Amino acid sequence: MELTESVAALLKEKFGVDPHSVRPEVPLHQLGMDSLALEELRLLIEDRLDLDLEDAELTSRATVEQLLALVRDRTVA
């Protein structure tokens, strides 16, 4: 499964986000993600993709693309 699809699936399964709403330019707050939800999403991504995102700085103003770029960077590292 592609990274975008994995994140969209997590957002749908755990947070009830419509997968069609998960577009690169959409800020995470428009998907209903507050700081607590972002922390939970970070943990879910870490578990699903076996990554360490503990020191990742992400706010609800970040876009879906910024989240994906962060995860891609950690995947490569």
Protein backbone atom coordinates (compact mmCIF):
# COMPACT_ATOMS: atom_id res chain seq x y z
CA MET A 1 0.00 0.00 0.00
CA GLU A 2 1.31 3.43 -0.94
CA LEU A 3 2.13 5.90 1.85
CA THR A 4 -0.71 8.27 0.96
CA GLU A 5 -3.18 5.38 0.99
CA SER A 6 -1.84 4.13 4.33
CA VAL A 7 -2.25 7.54 5.97
CA ALA A 8 -5.70 8.03 4.40
CA ALA A 9 -6.73 4.58 5.68
CA LEU A 10 -5.56 5.45 9.22
CA LEU A 11 -7.44 8.75 9.12
CA LYS A 12 -10.59 6.94 7.98
CA GLU A 13 -10.34 3.96 10.37
CA LYS A 14 -9.35 5.82 13.52
CA PHE A 15 -10.74 9.32 13.04
CA GLY A 16 -13.68 8.91 10.64
CA VAL A 17 -12.15 11.16 7.97
CA ASP A 18 -13.57 10.83 4.46
CA PRO A 19 -10.66 9.43 2.38
CA HIS A 20 -11.60 11.75 -0.51
CA SER A 21 -10.88 14.71 1.79
CA VAL A 22 -7.27 13.62 2.22
CA ARG A 23 -5.62 15.78 -0.43
CA PRO A 24 -2.08 17.22 -0.34
CA GLU A 25 -3.12 20.85 0.10
CA VAL A 26 -5.62 20.26 2.93
CA PRO A 27 -4.53 21.43 6.39
CA LEU A 28 -4.85 18.76 9.04
CA HIS A 29 -7.19 20.92 11.13
CA GLN A 30 -9.72 20.78 8.26
CA LEU A 31 -9.74 17.02 8.74
CA GLY A 32 -10.65 17.52 12.39
CA MET A 33 -7.14 16.90 13.69
CA ASP A 34 -6.30 18.73 16.91
CA SER A 35 -3.10 18.31 18.92
CA LEU A 36 -4.36 15.21 20.73
CA ALA A 37 -5.51 13.58 17.50
CA LEU A 38 -2.16 14.40 15.87
CA GLU A 39 -0.31 12.69 18.71
CA GLU A 40 -2.49 9.62 18.32
CA LEU A 41 -1.96 9.67 14.55
CA ARG A 42 1.80 9.94 15.06
CA LEU A 43 1.75 6.84 17.25
CA LEU A 44 -0.41 4.94 14.77
CA ILE A 45 1.93 5.82 11.90
CA GLU A 46 4.94 4.76 13.98
CA ASP A 47 3.33 1.40 14.68
CA ARG A 48 2.05 0.75 11.18
CA LEU A 49 5.21 1.83 9.35
CA ASP A 50 7.77 0.95 12.02
CA LEU A 51 9.16 4.50 12.20
CA ASP A 52 10.32 6.84 14.95
CA LEU A 53 8.48 10.15 14.71
CA GLU A 54 8.84 11.12 18.37
CA ASP A 55 10.76 14.32 17.69
CA ALA A 56 8.64 15.25 14.67
CA GLU A 57 7.13 18.72 14.83
CA LEU A 58 3.66 18.72 13.39
CA THR A 59 0.75 21.06 14.01
CA SER A 60 -2.83 21.05 12.86
CA ARG A 61 -1.91 23.89 10.46
CA ALA A 62 0.39 21.53 8.56
CA THR A 63 -0.98 20.12 5.32
CA VAL A 64 -1.42 16.48 4.41
CA GLU A 65 1.57 16.87 2.06
CA GLN A 66 3.76 18.16 4.90
CA LEU A 67 2.77 15.14 6.99
CA LEU A 68 3.54 12.78 4.12
CA ALA A 69 6.89 14.50 3.45
CA LEU A 70 7.84 14.09 7.10
CA VAL A 71 6.99 10.39 7.01
CA ARG A 72 8.84 9.93 3.68
CA ASP A 73 11.93 11.62 5.14
CA ARG A 74 11.88 9.28 8.14
CA THR A 75 11.34 6.26 5.93
CA VAL A 76 14.46 7.08 3.90
CA ALA A 77 16.62 7.92 6.93
